[in-house]
Amino acid sequence: MSSHEDAAPRAGMREWIGLAVLALPTLLVSLDMFVMLLALPHLSDSLNASGVQQLWIIDMYGFMVAGFMITMGTLGDRIGRRRLLLVGAAVFGVASLAAAWSTSAPMLIAVRALLGIAGAALTPSTLSLITHMFRDPRQKASAIGVWAGCFTVGAIIGPIVGGVLLERFWWGSVFLLGVPAMVLLLAVGPVLLPEYRNEAAGRLDLPSVVLSLAAVLPAIQGLKSLARDGWRLTPVLLVAVGLAVGTVFVRRQRRLADPLLDLRLFADRTFSATLGSMLAYSMLSGGTMVLVAQYFQLVDGLSPLRAGLALAPGMAASVVGFQIAPLLARRIRPAHLIAAGIVVTSSGLLVMTRSGTSGATVLIVGFLVSCLGTGPLVTLGTNLIVGAAPPERAGSAAAMGQTCSEFGYALGVAVLGSVMTAVYHARIPADAPAAARDSITGATQAAHELPGQVGTALLSAADRAFVAGLHTVAALSAAILVGVAVLLATTLRHLPPLGSPQPDLAPDQSAERAPV
């Protein structure tokens, strides 16, 4: 770290209040993803939504967030991050009102798309503004910890708040949660938040925008379809199309003087290793979390709300980890701290492999331990990714980190779901009904149609097969994450603790330097 970075000005009360304002849209982008899970049955009945329409109502928001993230991150660098944030907040607020009073399923799908585009504008803008407001490395890491924790808080309170609202009001009430927060952001944002834009930036390359969407959206849709429907031709073709268009996109970025995505960032080993590790982490931890949630409902028989509450201790542990990691990073090198956190996560995954078919205590404890290790990689990793980019490219770097998380989650659900399915098929008795051999949900339905003891035996066999699949996924994820820990411990070993002077590096190592 250079001497001028050591003397970076410390943030005052104004910046910390500004962080609280930025935390609102961050929390709501996450909350909006989870609250829909409870509202779907209610709005489906009211709007007469078909099965396909229900899937689009759920998925459209995430598709748009993932598809527009890179474009919005780069756009914020060009037109001003505060300006883009406020425009996104205004659109998010208006679209929330429209969603609450939607009169048909197609209308709600269209509004959910608009909400996703607005959400894509909010996320990289908040993170890039935080890195501009907090120049002191220690304060910056703490601020990013708060920012990251807001995503998890949204996941915790989303199902709970949604359940309370749906017990007392109509389904559209869940969309109104974001309106007061966006009004507050629009009112105080211009006063508390600084503006930053790249004065030397060129025009936004529209063909690159189109190519990025044509690469991301089919790939995400294909991965989600693979997770939901298994290995079929259509989703595989969608993923292939996304990869092919992505190749064309990358080639175009290499030719442009002012690209939408600055591929030169990948020449920095710290940036590349951290970004790749966060992709792997979101893939493995996200995919495992989905299977744990399914266990609570399909094996343990909990309602969606109670399943969400069973996940809450782990989510709360990750919030604690986000706040503790920056404090520990003042004394411990990032390489050691991040690697240790990943090992803790791996330990939690191994605890999950000791769970059984009755009682969820072991699984809750294992999930809690795995979440506790999340903090160092997410907070310090995000700091490293954004810090590796020049200030004028911070929005683009922030968007890359978030897009990787979206891809990792979708990829994890698809790949780990396939592993789970393979183990389930191998463990379920060959003489079980066809529906039972297909999935544990089919086994539950088939069991209700069989005589008492026969149905009970079938359910027991399906539960054991599902748990065997969960154990396999958890053990595989733990092993891969240990490899990720070794990679980061090696690649990041040159970085000092937060706020410590950067050691002198040889000229050929300068490309690896990144502010912590």
Protein backbone atom coordinates (compact mmCIF):
# COMPACT_ATOMS: atom_id res chain seq x y z
CA MET A 1 0.00 0.00 0.00
CA SER A 2 1.43 3.32 -1.00
CA SER A 3 2.27 6.09 1.43
CA HIS A 4 -0.54 8.31 0.21
CA GLU A 5 -2.97 5.46 0.91
CA ASP A 6 -1.60 5.20 4.45
CA ALA A 7 -2.53 8.87 4.90
CA ALA A 8 -6.00 8.46 3.39
CA PRO A 9 -8.57 10.70 5.13
CA ARG A 10 -10.81 9.00 7.65
CA ALA A 11 -14.55 9.10 7.16
CA GLY A 12 -16.62 11.18 9.57
CA MET A 13 -20.21 11.17 10.79
CA ARG A 14 -21.50 12.36 7.39
CA GLU A 15 -20.06 9.31 5.62
CA TRP A 16 -21.37 6.84 8.21
CA ILE A 17 -24.86 8.33 7.99
CA GLY A 18 -24.49 8.09 4.21
CA LEU A 19 -23.64 4.40 4.61
CA ALA A 20 -26.87 3.89 6.55
CA VAL A 21 -28.75 5.47 3.65
CA LEU A 22 -26.94 3.21 1.15
CA ALA A 23 -27.77 0.18 3.28
CA LEU A 24 -31.50 0.64 2.59
CA PRO A 25 -31.51 -0.16 -1.15
CA THR A 26 -28.98 -2.93 -0.59
CA LEU A 27 -31.24 -4.61 1.94
CA LEU A 28 -34.32 -4.17 -0.22
CA VAL A 29 -32.76 -5.66 -3.36
CA SER A 30 -32.11 -8.82 -1.34
CA LEU A 31 -35.44 -8.74 0.48
CA ASP A 32 -37.37 -8.45 -2.78
CA MET A 33 -35.88 -11.75 -3.99
CA PHE A 34 -37.02 -13.70 -0.92
CA VAL A 35 -40.35 -12.12 -0.05
CA MET A 36 -41.86 -13.33 -3.33
CA LEU A 37 -41.54 -16.97 -2.29
CA LEU A 38 -44.33 -16.55 0.26
CA ALA A 39 -46.48 -14.19 -1.81
CA LEU A 40 -46.55 -16.40 -4.91
CA PRO A 41 -49.49 -18.67 -3.93
CA HIS A 42 -51.61 -15.65 -2.98
CA LEU A 43 -50.94 -13.58 -6.10
CA SER A 44 -51.24 -16.65 -8.34
CA ASP A 45 -54.81 -17.19 -7.15
CA SER A 46 -55.67 -13.51 -7.48
CA LEU A 47 -54.15 -13.05 -10.96
CA ASN A 48 -54.96 -16.55 -12.27
CA ALA A 49 -51.29 -17.07 -13.10
CA SER A 50 -50.40 -20.27 -14.94
CA GLY A 51 -47.48 -22.45 -13.88
CA VAL A 52 -45.21 -20.90 -16.52
CA GLN A 53 -46.27 -17.40 -15.52
CA GLN A 54 -45.50 -18.18 -11.88
CA LEU A 55 -41.96 -19.21 -12.82
CA TRP A 56 -41.46 -15.97 -14.75
CA ILE A 57 -42.84 -13.90 -11.87
CA ILE A 58 -40.21 -15.46 -9.59
CA ASP A 59 -37.30 -15.56 -12.05
CA MET A 60 -37.70 -12.32 -14.01
CA TYR A 61 -36.33 -10.12 -11.24
CA GLY A 62 -33.15 -12.16 -10.83
CA PHE A 63 -32.66 -12.41 -14.59
CA MET A 64 -32.75 -8.64 -15.02
CA VAL A 65 -30.49 -8.00 -12.04
CA ALA A 66 -27.88 -10.41 -13.42
CA GLY A 67 -28.26 -9.28 -17.02
CA PHE A 68 -27.95 -5.54 -16.43
CA MET A 69 -25.40 -5.52 -13.60
CA ILE A 70 -22.30 -5.02 -15.77
CA THR A 71 -24.00 -2.40 -17.93
CA MET A 72 -25.21 -0.44 -14.91
CA GLY A 73 -21.84 -0.60 -13.16
CA THR A 74 -20.11 0.86 -16.20
CA LEU A 75 -22.92 3.36 -16.80
CA GLY A 76 -22.51 4.67 -13.25
CA ASP A 77 -18.80 5.26 -13.87
CA ARG A 78 -19.74 7.36 -16.90
CA ILE A 79 -22.78 9.41 -15.86
CA GLY A 80 -22.19 9.52 -12.11
CA ARG A 81 -22.75 6.87 -9.48
CA ARG A 82 -25.00 9.00 -7.27
CA ARG A 83 -27.08 10.03 -10.28
CA LEU A 84 -27.56 6.41 -11.35
CA LEU A 85 -28.38 5.40 -7.77
CA LEU A 86 -31.08 8.04 -7.46
CA VAL A 87 -32.57 7.21 -10.87
CA GLY A 88 -32.60 3.53 -9.90
CA ALA A 89 -34.27 4.37 -6.58
CA ALA A 90 -36.99 6.41 -8.30
CA VAL A 91 -37.70 3.64 -10.81
CA PHE A 92 -37.66 0.99 -8.05
CA GLY A 93 -40.17 2.96 -5.99
CA VAL A 94 -42.58 3.58 -8.87
CA ALA A 95 -42.30 -0.03 -10.08
CA SER A 96 -43.00 -1.28 -6.54
CA LEU A 97 -46.26 0.65 -6.53
CA ALA A 98 -47.16 -0.76 -9.94
CA ALA A 99 -46.36 -4.30 -8.77
CA ALA A 100 -48.55 -3.92 -5.68
CA TRP A 101 -51.58 -3.07 -7.80
CA SER A 102 -50.91 -5.26 -10.82
CA THR A 103 -54.10 -6.48 -12.46
CA SER A 104 -52.73 -9.42 -14.46
CA ALA A 105 -49.87 -11.89 -14.48
CA PRO A 106 -48.27 -10.41 -17.67
CA MET A 107 -48.36 -6.95 -16.07
CA LEU A 108 -46.64 -8.23 -12.93
CA ILE A 109 -43.98 -10.03 -14.99
CA ALA A 110 -43.25 -6.80 -16.88
CA VAL A 111 -43.08 -4.80 -13.65
CA ARG A 112 -40.79 -7.41 -12.08
CA ALA A 113 -38.47 -6.95 -15.07
CA LEU A 114 -38.42 -3.19 -14.44
CA LEU A 115 -37.72 -3.81 -10.75
CA GLY A 116 -34.79 -6.04 -11.72
CA ILE A 117 -33.28 -3.38 -13.99
CA ALA A 118 -33.62 -0.81 -11.20
CA GLY A 119 -32.08 -3.28 -8.75
CA ALA A 120 -29.13 -3.76 -11.11
CA ALA A 121 -28.59 0.02 -10.99
CA LEU A 122 -28.71 0.13 -7.20
CA THR A 123 -26.25 -2.61 -6.27
CA PRO A 124 -23.00 -1.55 -8.02
CA SER A 125 -23.77 2.11 -7.36
CA THR A 126 -23.97 1.56 -3.61
CA LEU A 127 -20.73 -0.43 -3.47
CA SER A 128 -18.73 1.95 -5.69
CA LEU A 129 -19.96 4.95 -3.68
CA ILE A 130 -18.88 3.22 -0.47
CA THR A 131 -15.35 2.75 -1.82
CA HIS A 132 -15.28 6.45 -2.77
CA MET A 133 -16.63 7.64 0.59
CA PHE A 134 -14.37 5.46 2.75
CA ARG A 135 -10.74 5.90 1.77
CA ASP A 136 -9.17 4.58 4.98
CA PRO A 137 -8.58 0.85 4.39
CA ARG A 138 -9.87 -0.24 7.80
CA GLN A 139 -12.99 1.89 7.60
CA LYS A 140 -13.60 0.77 4.03
CA ALA A 141 -13.50 -2.90 5.04
CA SER A 142 -15.93 -2.26 7.90
CA ALA A 143 -18.29 -0.35 5.59
CA ILE A 144 -18.21 -3.18 3.05
CA GLY A 145 -18.97 -5.59 5.91
CA VAL A 146 -22.09 -3.59 6.71
CA TRP A 147 -23.02 -3.50 3.01
CA ALA A 148 -22.56 -7.27 2.64
CA GLY A 149 -24.47 -7.95 5.83
CA CYS A 150 -27.49 -6.12 4.43
CA PHE A 151 -27.93 -8.78 1.74
CA THR A 152 -28.11 -11.46 4.41
CA VAL A 153 -30.42 -9.41 6.65
CA GLY A 154 -32.77 -9.09 3.67
CA ALA A 155 -32.73 -12.86 3.27
CA ILE A 156 -33.50 -13.32 6.99
CA ILE A 157 -36.33 -10.83 7.35
CA GLY A 158 -37.83 -11.28 3.88
CA PRO A 159 -39.82 -14.46 4.62
CA ILE A 160 -40.67 -13.29 8.15
CA VAL A 161 -41.91 -9.82 7.18
CA GLY A 162 -43.64 -11.27 4.13
CA GLY A 163 -45.45 -13.81 6.28
CA VAL A 164 -46.65 -11.13 8.71
CA LEU A 165 -47.90 -8.89 5.91
CA LEU A 166 -49.69 -11.70 4.10
CA GLU A 167 -51.53 -12.65 7.29
CA ARG A 168 -52.97 -9.13 7.61
CA PHE A 169 -53.04 -7.56 4.14
CA TRP A 170 -53.38 -8.44 0.46
CA TRP A 171 -50.49 -9.92 -1.54
CA GLY A 172 -49.48 -6.56 -3.05
CA SER A 173 -48.45 -5.26 0.37
CA VAL A 174 -45.12 -7.11 0.15
CA PHE A 175 -44.08 -4.85 -2.73
CA LEU A 176 -44.71 -1.68 -0.73
CA LEU A 177 -41.83 -2.40 1.67
CA GLY A 178 -39.37 -0.63 -0.60
CA VAL A 179 -41.32 2.55 -1.24
CA PRO A 180 -40.59 4.47 2.03
CA ALA A 181 -36.90 3.54 1.85
CA MET A 182 -36.61 4.78 -1.73
CA VAL A 183 -38.38 8.02 -0.83
CA LEU A 184 -35.91 8.55 2.01
CA LEU A 185 -32.97 7.81 -0.29
CA LEU A 186 -34.23 10.33 -2.86
CA ALA A 187 -34.72 12.95 -0.14
CA VAL A 188 -31.36 12.75 1.64
CA GLY A 189 -29.12 11.13 -0.99
CA PRO A 190 -28.27 14.38 -2.82
CA VAL A 191 -27.19 15.91 0.51
CA LEU A 192 -25.26 13.05 2.12
CA LEU A 193 -23.79 11.16 -0.84
CA PRO A 194 -20.93 12.48 -2.97
CA GLU A 195 -20.98 12.32 -6.75
CA TYR A 196 -18.24 10.60 -8.69
CA ARG A 197 -17.88 9.99 -12.40
CA ASN A 198 -15.10 9.29 -14.85
CA GLU A 199 -14.70 12.56 -16.72
CA ALA A 200 -12.55 10.90 -19.39
CA ALA A 201 -15.00 8.07 -20.13
CA GLY A 202 -16.19 7.65 -23.68
CA ARG A 203 -19.67 6.78 -24.88
CA LEU A 204 -21.38 3.59 -23.75
CA ASP A 205 -20.92 0.94 -26.44
CA LEU A 206 -24.48 -0.20 -27.16
CA PRO A 207 -23.48 -3.34 -29.14
CA SER A 208 -21.54 -4.46 -26.07
CA VAL A 209 -24.63 -3.90 -23.91
CA VAL A 210 -26.70 -6.06 -26.26
CA LEU A 211 -24.02 -8.77 -26.35
CA SER A 212 -23.70 -8.81 -22.55
CA LEU A 213 -27.45 -9.33 -22.18
CA ALA A 214 -27.48 -11.97 -24.93
CA ALA A 215 -24.71 -13.81 -23.08
CA VAL A 216 -25.91 -13.53 -19.48
CA LEU A 217 -29.67 -14.04 -19.85
CA PRO A 218 -29.65 -17.33 -21.85
CA ALA A 219 -26.91 -18.74 -19.63
CA ILE A 220 -28.77 -17.92 -16.41
CA GLN A 221 -32.06 -19.22 -17.83
CA GLY A 222 -30.38 -22.42 -19.00
CA LEU A 223 -28.75 -23.04 -15.62
CA LYS A 224 -32.01 -22.45 -13.77
CA SER A 225 -33.84 -24.80 -16.16
CA LEU A 226 -31.19 -27.48 -15.67
CA ALA A 227 -31.64 -27.21 -11.92
CA ARG A 228 -35.42 -27.38 -12.21
CA ASP A 229 -35.97 -29.88 -15.05
CA GLY A 230 -32.73 -31.85 -15.29
CA TRP A 231 -30.41 -32.34 -18.26
CA ARG A 232 -32.55 -31.61 -21.31
CA LEU A 233 -31.69 -30.30 -24.75
CA THR A 234 -33.26 -26.84 -24.51
CA PRO A 235 -31.47 -25.63 -21.35
CA VAL A 236 -28.16 -27.07 -22.57
CA LEU A 237 -28.58 -25.15 -25.83
CA LEU A 238 -29.36 -21.98 -23.88
CA VAL A 239 -26.14 -22.31 -21.89
CA ALA A 240 -24.22 -22.99 -25.12
CA VAL A 241 -25.72 -19.89 -26.75
CA GLY A 242 -24.77 -17.82 -23.72
CA LEU A 243 -21.19 -19.08 -23.84
CA ALA A 244 -20.93 -18.48 -27.59
CA VAL A 245 -22.24 -14.92 -27.35
CA GLY A 246 -20.00 -14.38 -24.32
CA THR A 247 -16.99 -15.28 -26.47
CA VAL A 248 -18.03 -12.68 -29.06
CA PHE A 249 -18.51 -10.15 -26.23
CA VAL A 250 -15.01 -10.76 -24.86
CA ARG A 251 -13.43 -10.39 -28.30
CA ARG A 252 -15.21 -7.07 -28.81
CA GLN A 253 -14.05 -5.78 -25.42
CA ARG A 254 -10.44 -6.51 -26.38
CA ARG A 255 -10.75 -4.36 -29.50
CA LEU A 256 -12.44 -1.35 -27.90
CA ALA A 257 -10.43 1.58 -26.55
CA ASP A 258 -13.11 2.18 -23.88
CA PRO A 259 -14.78 -1.20 -23.30
CA LEU A 260 -17.92 -1.97 -21.33
CA LEU A 261 -15.91 -4.55 -19.36
CA ASP A 262 -12.22 -3.80 -18.77
CA LEU A 263 -10.57 -7.19 -19.27
CA ARG A 264 -7.20 -5.75 -18.24
CA LEU A 265 -8.32 -6.17 -14.64
CA PHE A 266 -7.91 -9.93 -15.05
CA ALA A 267 -4.16 -9.46 -15.54
CA ASP A 268 -4.00 -8.76 -11.79
CA ARG A 269 -3.60 -12.15 -10.10
CA THR A 270 -5.16 -10.87 -6.88
CA PHE A 271 -8.26 -9.75 -8.76
CA SER A 272 -8.56 -12.93 -10.84
CA ALA A 273 -7.97 -15.35 -7.96
CA THR A 274 -10.37 -13.53 -5.64
CA LEU A 275 -13.10 -13.20 -8.26
CA GLY A 276 -12.79 -16.87 -9.24
CA SER A 277 -12.84 -17.94 -5.61
CA MET A 278 -15.98 -15.91 -4.90
CA LEU A 279 -17.60 -17.54 -7.94
CA ALA A 280 -16.75 -20.99 -6.57
CA TYR A 281 -17.85 -20.02 -3.08
CA SER A 282 -21.26 -18.68 -4.17
CA MET A 283 -21.70 -21.78 -6.33
CA LEU A 284 -20.98 -24.28 -3.55
CA SER A 285 -22.46 -22.48 -0.56
CA GLY A 286 -25.53 -21.23 -2.46
CA GLY A 287 -26.30 -24.63 -3.98
CA THR A 288 -25.89 -26.34 -0.62
CA MET A 289 -28.18 -23.81 1.09
CA VAL A 290 -30.96 -24.59 -1.39
CA LEU A 291 -30.67 -28.30 -0.61
CA VAL A 292 -30.66 -27.62 3.14
CA ALA A 293 -33.84 -25.57 2.76
CA GLN A 294 -35.38 -28.45 0.80
CA TYR A 295 -34.41 -30.87 3.58
CA PHE A 296 -36.24 -28.79 6.16
CA GLN A 297 -39.43 -28.86 4.07
CA LEU A 298 -39.32 -32.24 2.31
CA VAL A 299 -37.70 -34.44 4.97
CA ASP A 300 -38.36 -32.61 8.23
CA GLY A 301 -41.84 -31.51 7.13
CA LEU A 302 -41.52 -27.82 8.03
CA SER A 303 -43.62 -25.12 6.39
CA PRO A 304 -41.79 -22.59 4.16
CA LEU A 305 -41.90 -20.01 6.96
CA ARG A 306 -40.58 -22.44 9.60
CA ALA A 307 -37.90 -23.60 7.15
CA GLY A 308 -36.86 -19.98 6.75
CA LEU A 309 -36.66 -19.63 10.53
CA ALA A 310 -34.49 -22.78 10.69
CA LEU A 311 -32.06 -21.09 8.30
CA ALA A 312 -32.10 -17.84 10.27
CA PRO A 313 -29.39 -18.80 12.86
CA GLY A 314 -26.95 -19.47 10.05
CA MET A 315 -27.87 -16.24 8.28
CA ALA A 316 -27.38 -14.33 11.54
CA ALA A 317 -23.98 -16.00 11.98
CA SER A 318 -22.91 -14.76 8.55
CA VAL A 319 -23.90 -11.19 9.52
CA VAL A 320 -21.71 -11.53 12.62
CA GLY A 321 -18.88 -12.80 10.43
CA PHE A 322 -19.22 -9.79 8.12
CA GLN A 323 -18.71 -7.43 11.07
CA ILE A 324 -15.89 -9.36 12.77
CA ALA A 325 -13.79 -10.04 9.66
CA PRO A 326 -12.65 -6.40 9.11
CA LEU A 327 -11.60 -6.16 12.77
CA LEU A 328 -9.56 -9.36 12.59
CA ALA A 329 -8.05 -8.21 9.28
CA ARG A 330 -6.29 -5.38 11.09
CA ARG A 331 -3.99 -7.95 12.72
CA ILE A 332 -4.15 -10.95 10.39
CA ARG A 333 -3.06 -11.05 6.76
CA PRO A 334 -5.93 -11.42 4.26
CA ALA A 335 -4.46 -14.67 2.90
CA HIS A 336 -4.52 -16.30 6.34
CA LEU A 337 -7.85 -14.85 7.45
CA ILE A 338 -9.74 -15.67 4.26
CA ALA A 339 -8.28 -19.18 4.12
CA ALA A 340 -9.19 -19.76 7.77
CA GLY A 341 -12.75 -18.58 7.14
CA ILE A 342 -13.14 -20.97 4.23
CA VAL A 343 -11.82 -23.82 6.38
CA VAL A 344 -14.47 -22.95 8.99
CA THR A 345 -17.11 -23.12 6.25
CA SER A 346 -15.75 -26.50 5.14
CA SER A 347 -15.95 -27.72 8.74
CA GLY A 348 -19.60 -26.71 8.88
CA LEU A 349 -20.28 -28.62 5.68
CA LEU A 350 -18.64 -31.70 7.17
CA VAL A 351 -20.86 -31.37 10.25
CA MET A 352 -23.86 -31.48 7.89
CA THR A 353 -22.74 -34.92 6.71
CA ARG A 354 -23.49 -36.24 10.22
CA SER A 355 -27.18 -35.29 10.03
CA GLY A 356 -29.88 -37.95 9.80
CA THR A 357 -33.45 -38.29 8.63
CA SER A 358 -35.00 -37.33 11.97
CA GLY A 359 -34.40 -34.03 13.70
CA ALA A 360 -32.71 -31.05 12.10
CA THR A 361 -30.48 -29.94 14.98
CA VAL A 362 -27.22 -31.23 13.49
CA LEU A 363 -28.04 -29.66 10.14
CA ILE A 364 -28.88 -26.30 11.73
CA VAL A 365 -25.58 -26.33 13.64
CA GLY A 366 -23.61 -27.32 10.55
CA PHE A 367 -25.26 -24.61 8.48
CA LEU A 368 -24.54 -22.06 11.22
CA VAL A 369 -20.83 -22.98 11.34
CA SER A 370 -20.55 -22.88 7.54
CA CYS A 371 -22.12 -19.41 7.45
CA LEU A 372 -19.84 -18.12 10.21
CA GLY A 373 -16.84 -18.58 7.92
CA THR A 374 -18.38 -16.49 5.15
CA GLY A 375 -17.29 -13.09 6.43
CA PRO A 376 -13.59 -12.89 5.47
CA LEU A 377 -14.00 -13.95 1.83
CA VAL A 378 -17.07 -11.80 1.15
CA THR A 379 -15.93 -8.62 2.89
CA LEU A 380 -12.20 -8.71 2.19
CA GLY A 381 -12.71 -10.35 -1.21
CA THR A 382 -15.11 -7.62 -2.30
CA ASN A 383 -12.64 -5.04 -1.01
CA LEU A 384 -9.85 -6.63 -3.04
CA ILE A 385 -11.93 -6.84 -6.22
CA VAL A 386 -13.02 -3.20 -6.14
CA GLY A 387 -9.62 -2.05 -4.87
CA ALA A 388 -7.83 -3.70 -7.79
CA ALA A 389 -9.62 -1.39 -10.22
CA PRO A 390 -8.69 2.26 -10.75
CA PRO A 391 -11.20 4.67 -9.14
CA GLU A 392 -12.85 5.44 -12.48
CA ARG A 393 -13.60 1.72 -12.96
CA ALA A 394 -14.84 0.91 -9.45
CA GLY A 395 -18.45 0.60 -10.59
CA SER A 396 -17.52 -1.86 -13.30
CA ALA A 397 -15.42 -3.93 -10.87
CA ALA A 398 -18.25 -3.96 -8.31
CA ALA A 399 -20.65 -5.14 -11.00
CA MET A 400 -18.30 -7.97 -12.00
CA GLY A 401 -18.21 -9.22 -8.41
CA GLN A 402 -21.99 -9.21 -8.12
CA THR A 403 -22.51 -10.81 -11.54
CA CYS A 404 -20.11 -13.59 -10.54
CA SER A 405 -22.19 -14.22 -7.43
CA GLU A 406 -25.37 -14.47 -9.53
CA PHE A 407 -23.71 -16.90 -11.94
CA GLY A 408 -22.20 -18.90 -9.10
CA TYR A 409 -25.53 -19.31 -7.36
CA ALA A 410 -27.32 -20.41 -10.55
CA LEU A 411 -24.46 -22.75 -11.47
CA GLY A 412 -24.37 -24.22 -7.98
CA VAL A 413 -28.10 -24.97 -7.94
CA ALA A 414 -27.80 -26.66 -11.34
CA VAL A 415 -24.61 -28.67 -10.76
CA LEU A 416 -25.11 -29.62 -7.11
CA GLY A 417 -28.76 -30.34 -7.83
CA SER A 418 -27.63 -32.78 -10.51
CA VAL A 419 -25.25 -34.48 -8.06
CA MET A 420 -28.07 -34.73 -5.54
CA THR A 421 -30.39 -36.23 -8.15
CA ALA A 422 -27.79 -38.80 -9.23
CA VAL A 423 -27.22 -39.98 -5.66
CA TYR A 424 -30.98 -40.05 -4.98
CA HIS A 425 -31.60 -42.20 -8.06
CA ALA A 426 -28.81 -44.57 -7.03
CA ARG A 427 -30.16 -44.98 -3.48
CA ILE A 428 -33.91 -45.20 -4.05
CA PRO A 429 -35.14 -48.83 -4.34
CA ALA A 430 -35.46 -50.03 -7.94
CA ASP A 431 -38.97 -51.39 -7.28
CA ALA A 432 -40.27 -48.00 -6.06
CA PRO A 433 -42.99 -46.30 -8.14
CA ALA A 434 -41.72 -44.23 -11.07
CA ALA A 435 -42.74 -40.95 -9.40
CA ALA A 436 -40.79 -41.90 -6.26
CA ARG A 437 -37.68 -42.74 -8.29
CA ASP A 438 -37.89 -39.31 -9.94
CA SER A 439 -37.81 -37.13 -6.80
CA ILE A 440 -38.59 -37.05 -3.11
CA THR A 441 -41.64 -34.91 -3.89
CA GLY A 442 -42.90 -37.68 -6.16
CA ALA A 443 -42.21 -40.19 -3.41
CA THR A 444 -44.36 -38.18 -1.00
CA GLN A 445 -47.22 -38.10 -3.47
CA ALA A 446 -46.88 -41.81 -4.26
CA ALA A 447 -46.77 -42.73 -0.56
CA HIS A 448 -50.19 -41.18 0.03
CA GLU A 449 -51.67 -43.55 -2.56
CA LEU A 450 -50.19 -46.71 -0.97
CA PRO A 451 -51.30 -48.71 2.10
CA GLY A 452 -50.08 -47.38 5.46
CA GLN A 453 -46.91 -49.42 6.13
CA VAL A 454 -45.95 -49.61 2.46
CA GLY A 455 -46.29 -45.84 2.08
CA THR A 456 -44.32 -45.23 5.29
CA ALA A 457 -41.52 -47.53 4.09
CA LEU A 458 -41.39 -45.70 0.76
CA LEU A 459 -41.17 -42.32 2.49
CA SER A 460 -38.41 -43.59 4.77
CA ALA A 461 -36.41 -44.89 1.78
CA ALA A 462 -36.87 -41.57 -0.08
CA ASP A 463 -35.76 -39.59 2.99
CA ARG A 464 -32.61 -41.72 3.34
CA ALA A 465 -31.83 -41.31 -0.36
CA PHE A 466 -32.27 -37.53 -0.15
CA VAL A 467 -30.07 -37.29 2.95
CA ALA A 468 -27.39 -39.39 1.23
CA GLY A 469 -27.43 -36.92 -1.66
CA LEU A 470 -27.17 -33.96 0.73
CA HIS A 471 -24.22 -35.60 2.51
CA THR A 472 -22.46 -36.18 -0.82
CA VAL A 473 -22.97 -32.57 -1.92
CA ALA A 474 -21.77 -31.21 1.44
CA ALA A 475 -18.65 -33.40 1.46
CA LEU A 476 -17.82 -32.53 -2.17
CA SER A 477 -18.29 -28.81 -1.49
CA ALA A 478 -16.08 -29.00 1.61
CA ALA A 479 -13.27 -30.67 -0.35
CA ILE A 480 -13.38 -28.11 -3.18
CA LEU A 481 -13.46 -25.20 -0.75
CA VAL A 482 -10.33 -26.48 0.96
CA GLY A 483 -8.65 -26.25 -2.44
CA VAL A 484 -9.94 -22.67 -2.80
CA ALA A 485 -8.47 -21.85 0.62
CA VAL A 486 -5.07 -23.16 -0.45
CA LEU A 487 -5.23 -21.14 -3.68
CA LEU A 488 -6.01 -17.88 -1.87
CA ALA A 489 -3.49 -18.52 0.90
CA THR A 490 -0.83 -18.78 -1.82
CA THR A 491 -1.98 -16.02 -4.16
CA LEU A 492 -2.68 -13.37 -1.51
CA ARG A 493 0.30 -14.07 0.73
CA HIS A 494 2.01 -10.78 -0.27
CA LEU A 495 -0.81 -8.62 1.13
CA PRO A 496 -0.35 -7.13 4.62
CA PRO A 497 -3.05 -6.70 7.29
CA LEU A 498 -5.47 -3.82 6.78
CA GLY A 499 -3.86 -0.43 7.23
CA SER A 500 -0.31 -1.83 7.35
CA PRO A 501 2.36 -0.50 4.98
CA GLN A 502 2.59 -2.43 1.71
CA PRO A 503 5.91 -4.32 1.50
CA ASP A 504 8.25 -3.31 -1.29
CA LEU A 505 7.71 -5.43 -4.36
CA ALA A 506 9.94 -6.14 -7.29
CA PRO A 507 8.97 -4.37 -10.52
CA ASP A 508 7.63 -7.57 -12.07
CA GLN A 509 5.25 -7.98 -9.12
CA SER A 510 3.67 -4.57 -9.37
CA ALA A 511 0.78 -5.90 -11.43
CA GLU A 512 -0.23 -8.06 -8.48
CA ARG A 513 -0.60 -5.19 -6.06
CA ALA A 514 -4.07 -4.28 -4.94
CA PRO A 515 -5.20 -2.03 -2.10
CA VAL A 516 -6.64 -4.00 0.78
